[in-house]
């Protein structure tokens, strides 16, 4: 799963999201690959931040995203910033 934050609109709403979202992941077997680390834009407009998280499957990623607990938190994020998000299925190398 990949999320990019394009622009912060309301920092207080975003901070409320950041305080609420981690609890929605309790018991979900994820691996955080990158969370707002330094990044270099190679193409397209620059973004404020990038989060990349690995889930065991697309189904588990979707279950978490669609869960009532996360949807409650995501409303705060949507009021706090402009984001784009994707679930990308891994492919064997």
Protein backbone atom coordinates (compact mmCIF):
# COMPACT_ATOMS: atom_id res chain seq x y z
CA UNK A 1 0.00 0.00 0.00
CA UNK A 2 1.35 3.41 -0.95
CA UNK A 3 0.12 6.79 0.23
CA UNK A 4 1.48 10.16 -0.76
CA UNK A 5 0.63 13.40 0.99
CA UNK A 6 0.39 16.09 -1.63
CA UNK A 7 -0.58 19.07 0.54
CA UNK A 8 -1.48 19.74 4.17
CA UNK A 9 -4.74 21.63 4.59
CA UNK A 10 -5.34 21.52 8.36
CA UNK A 11 -2.42 20.43 10.54
CA UNK A 12 -4.60 19.86 13.64
CA UNK A 13 -6.86 17.40 11.76
CA UNK A 14 -3.81 15.62 10.38
CA UNK A 15 -2.27 15.32 13.84
CA UNK A 16 -5.56 13.89 15.14
CA UNK A 17 -5.38 11.30 12.36
CA UNK A 18 -1.77 10.47 13.23
CA UNK A 19 -2.74 9.87 16.86
CA UNK A 20 -5.74 7.68 15.96
CA UNK A 21 -4.52 5.63 12.97
CA UNK A 22 -1.86 3.45 14.68
CA UNK A 23 -4.47 1.77 16.90
CA UNK A 24 -6.31 0.61 13.76
CA UNK A 25 -3.28 -1.50 12.85
CA UNK A 26 -3.09 -3.43 16.13
CA UNK A 27 -3.00 -7.12 15.30
CA UNK A 28 -2.58 -6.48 11.57
CA UNK A 29 0.63 -8.12 10.31
CA UNK A 30 2.26 -5.27 8.39
CA UNK A 31 5.78 -4.22 7.56
CA UNK A 32 6.42 -0.48 7.27
CA UNK A 33 8.88 -0.05 4.40
CA UNK A 34 8.97 3.76 4.52
CA UNK A 35 7.10 6.37 6.52
CA UNK A 36 7.76 10.00 5.65
CA UNK A 37 11.48 9.37 5.16
CA UNK A 38 13.58 11.56 2.90
CA UNK A 39 12.59 11.27 -0.74
CA UNK A 40 13.73 12.64 -4.07
CA UNK A 41 11.19 13.52 -6.74
CA UNK A 42 12.37 12.30 -10.12
CA UNK A 43 9.24 13.09 -12.15
CA UNK A 44 6.04 15.02 -11.58
CA UNK A 45 5.26 17.51 -8.84
CA UNK A 46 6.98 17.19 -5.48
CA UNK A 47 4.98 15.77 -2.56
CA UNK A 48 5.17 16.38 1.18
CA UNK A 49 5.53 12.74 2.19
CA UNK A 50 5.34 9.09 1.19
CA UNK A 51 4.28 6.01 3.19
CA UNK A 52 4.84 2.47 1.90
CA UNK A 53 3.46 -0.46 3.91
CA UNK A 54 3.60 -4.17 3.08
CA UNK A 55 0.58 -6.32 3.94
CA UNK A 56 0.53 -10.13 3.66
CA UNK A 57 -2.13 -9.90 0.93
CA UNK A 58 -4.31 -7.47 -1.00
CA UNK A 59 -7.30 -8.87 0.88
CA UNK A 60 -5.82 -8.03 4.29
CA UNK A 61 -4.84 -4.55 3.09
CA UNK A 62 -8.36 -3.94 1.85
CA UNK A 63 -9.94 -5.32 5.05
CA UNK A 64 -7.86 -2.90 7.12
CA UNK A 65 -8.57 0.07 4.86
CA UNK A 66 -12.32 -0.63 4.79
CA UNK A 67 -12.56 -1.35 8.52
CA UNK A 68 -14.87 0.94 10.52
CA UNK A 69 -11.97 1.89 12.83
CA UNK A 70 -9.75 3.05 9.97
CA UNK A 71 -12.59 4.73 8.09
CA UNK A 72 -13.28 6.76 11.24
CA UNK A 73 -9.63 7.83 11.31
CA UNK A 74 -9.37 8.41 7.56
CA UNK A 75 -12.04 11.10 7.74
CA UNK A 76 -9.63 13.12 9.88
CA UNK A 77 -6.88 12.59 7.30
CA UNK A 78 -9.14 13.70 4.47
CA UNK A 79 -9.93 16.92 6.32
CA UNK A 80 -6.27 17.43 7.14
CA UNK A 81 -4.53 16.90 3.83
CA UNK A 82 -4.75 15.93 0.19
CA UNK A 83 -3.54 12.34 -0.19
CA UNK A 84 -3.41 9.75 -2.92
CA UNK A 85 -3.39 6.06 -2.09
CA UNK A 86 -2.90 2.74 -3.85
CA UNK A 87 -2.93 -0.94 -3.13
CA UNK A 88 -0.33 -2.47 -5.40
CA UNK A 89 -0.18 -6.24 -5.66
CA UNK A 90 3.34 -7.58 -5.37
CA UNK A 91 4.71 -9.61 -8.23
CA UNK A 92 7.45 -12.22 -8.11
CA UNK A 93 10.84 -11.02 -9.26
